[in-house]
């Protein structure tokens, strides 16, 4: 039984186009196979994170900027934003109970506390600037 074609989100396609492909067509084929087998019917930028190497071969310009940032930097930024939102939402849903928030996220308490501390440090640093 054949799977239906996988759709690639425009942002993911932009990342693929920005990548310099040091492994040429063979690397592209492997990345696409992995993404198609691993993910559902849509490939998003976060779905390509593990497949696109160390990021030294990527240079994608964010909208409205002349500065180039690498794919791993963009992905880390998105992942941090998702983690931040998830941590805050879980804490709110758990009414401040950190152990319950960790359970809601499906991670252990120590991991949750570590992520929460990093988030608090980033908030403090941003407030100091």
Protein backbone atom coordinates (compact mmCIF):
# COMPACT_ATOMS: atom_id res chain seq x y z
CA UNK A 1 0.00 0.00 0.00
CA UNK A 2 1.44 3.36 -1.01
CA UNK A 3 1.31 6.37 1.26
CA UNK A 4 -0.17 9.57 -0.09
CA UNK A 5 2.36 12.23 -1.15
CA UNK A 6 3.94 14.21 1.68
CA UNK A 7 3.37 17.96 1.61
CA UNK A 8 6.25 20.31 2.43
CA UNK A 9 5.42 23.54 4.23
CA UNK A 10 6.78 26.66 2.49
CA UNK A 11 9.07 27.46 5.44
CA UNK A 12 10.54 23.94 5.32
CA UNK A 13 11.07 24.29 1.58
CA UNK A 14 12.88 27.58 2.19
CA UNK A 15 15.21 25.81 4.64
CA UNK A 16 15.90 23.05 2.14
CA UNK A 17 16.67 25.63 -0.54
CA UNK A 18 18.99 27.59 1.79
CA UNK A 19 21.02 24.51 2.74
CA UNK A 20 24.29 24.15 0.78
CA UNK A 21 24.08 20.32 0.51
CA UNK A 22 27.69 19.22 1.03
CA UNK A 23 26.52 15.65 0.40
CA UNK A 24 24.85 16.73 -2.85
CA UNK A 25 21.83 14.84 -4.20
CA UNK A 26 22.48 11.77 -2.07
CA UNK A 27 22.16 13.85 1.11
CA UNK A 28 18.97 15.53 -0.15
CA UNK A 29 17.46 12.15 -0.99
CA UNK A 30 18.30 10.79 2.48
CA UNK A 31 16.89 13.86 4.26
CA UNK A 32 13.64 13.65 2.29
CA UNK A 33 13.29 9.90 2.85
CA UNK A 34 13.87 10.31 6.58
CA UNK A 35 11.38 13.17 6.80
CA UNK A 36 8.75 11.31 4.78
CA UNK A 37 9.11 8.15 6.85
CA UNK A 38 9.30 9.88 10.20
CA UNK A 39 6.64 12.55 9.92
CA UNK A 40 2.99 12.47 8.97
CA UNK A 41 1.49 14.13 5.90
CA UNK A 42 3.23 17.55 6.27
CA UNK A 43 6.91 18.32 6.68
CA UNK A 44 7.56 21.41 8.82
CA UNK A 45 10.93 23.10 9.48
CA UNK A 46 11.22 21.46 12.91
CA UNK A 47 10.90 18.06 11.22
CA UNK A 48 14.18 18.66 9.37
CA UNK A 49 16.24 19.67 12.41
CA UNK A 50 18.09 16.39 12.97
CA UNK A 51 18.63 15.71 9.29
CA UNK A 52 20.41 18.85 8.16
CA UNK A 53 23.77 18.30 9.79
CA UNK A 54 25.76 20.71 11.91
CA UNK A 55 24.37 23.88 10.37
CA UNK A 56 27.65 25.12 8.93
CA UNK A 57 26.21 24.55 5.49
CA UNK A 58 23.10 26.62 6.06
CA UNK A 59 22.64 30.33 5.63
CA UNK A 60 19.07 31.55 5.54
CA UNK A 61 18.13 35.18 5.90
CA UNK A 62 15.21 35.96 8.18
CA UNK A 63 12.52 38.22 6.79
CA UNK A 64 13.30 41.91 6.98
CA UNK A 65 16.94 41.36 7.83
CA UNK A 66 20.24 41.41 5.99
CA UNK A 67 21.81 39.21 8.66
CA UNK A 68 22.14 35.48 7.93
CA UNK A 69 21.55 32.89 10.61
CA UNK A 70 22.11 29.18 10.37
CA UNK A 71 19.39 26.56 10.28
CA UNK A 72 20.29 25.14 13.70
CA UNK A 73 20.08 28.65 15.18
CA UNK A 74 16.63 29.14 13.68
CA UNK A 75 15.50 25.72 14.86
CA UNK A 76 16.87 26.25 18.38
CA UNK A 77 15.04 29.56 18.53
CA UNK A 78 11.75 27.92 17.50
CA UNK A 79 12.25 25.01 19.89
CA UNK A 80 12.99 27.39 22.77
CA UNK A 81 9.84 29.37 21.99
CA UNK A 82 7.75 26.18 21.94
CA UNK A 83 9.33 24.96 25.20
CA UNK A 84 8.76 28.35 26.85
CA UNK A 85 5.11 28.42 25.82
CA UNK A 86 4.59 24.81 26.90
CA UNK A 87 6.27 25.33 30.28
CA UNK A 88 4.25 28.45 31.00
CA UNK A 89 0.96 26.85 29.90
CA UNK A 90 1.57 23.68 31.93
CA UNK A 91 2.43 25.72 35.04
CA UNK A 92 -0.72 27.77 34.57
CA UNK A 93 -2.87 24.64 34.08
CA UNK A 94 -1.27 23.04 37.14
CA UNK A 95 -2.02 26.20 39.15
CA UNK A 96 1.64 26.67 40.05
CA UNK A 97 2.29 23.04 41.01
CA UNK A 98 5.61 22.25 39.29
CA UNK A 99 5.40 18.47 39.77
CA UNK A 100 1.96 18.41 38.18
CA UNK A 101 3.17 20.67 35.34
CA UNK A 102 6.00 18.23 34.64
CA UNK A 103 3.53 15.34 34.52
CA UNK A 104 1.29 17.29 32.13
CA UNK A 105 4.28 17.75 29.80
CA UNK A 106 5.33 14.11 30.08
CA UNK A 107 8.80 14.92 31.41
CA UNK A 108 10.37 14.21 34.77
CA UNK A 109 10.34 16.81 37.50
CA UNK A 110 14.10 17.46 37.42
CA UNK A 111 14.03 18.15 33.68
CA UNK A 112 11.08 20.49 34.15
CA UNK A 113 12.85 22.40 36.95
CA UNK A 114 16.02 22.75 34.83
CA UNK A 115 14.04 24.12 31.88
CA UNK A 116 12.08 26.45 34.15
CA UNK A 117 15.29 27.83 35.71
CA UNK A 118 16.80 28.47 32.25
CA UNK A 119 13.60 30.24 31.22
CA UNK A 120 13.64 32.40 34.35
CA UNK A 121 17.30 33.36 33.72
CA UNK A 122 16.48 34.38 30.14
CA UNK A 123 13.57 36.50 31.36
CA UNK A 124 15.81 38.19 33.95
CA UNK A 125 18.54 38.82 31.36
CA UNK A 126 16.04 40.34 28.95
CA UNK A 127 14.69 42.59 31.71
CA UNK A 128 18.22 43.82 32.50
CA UNK A 129 18.87 44.90 28.89
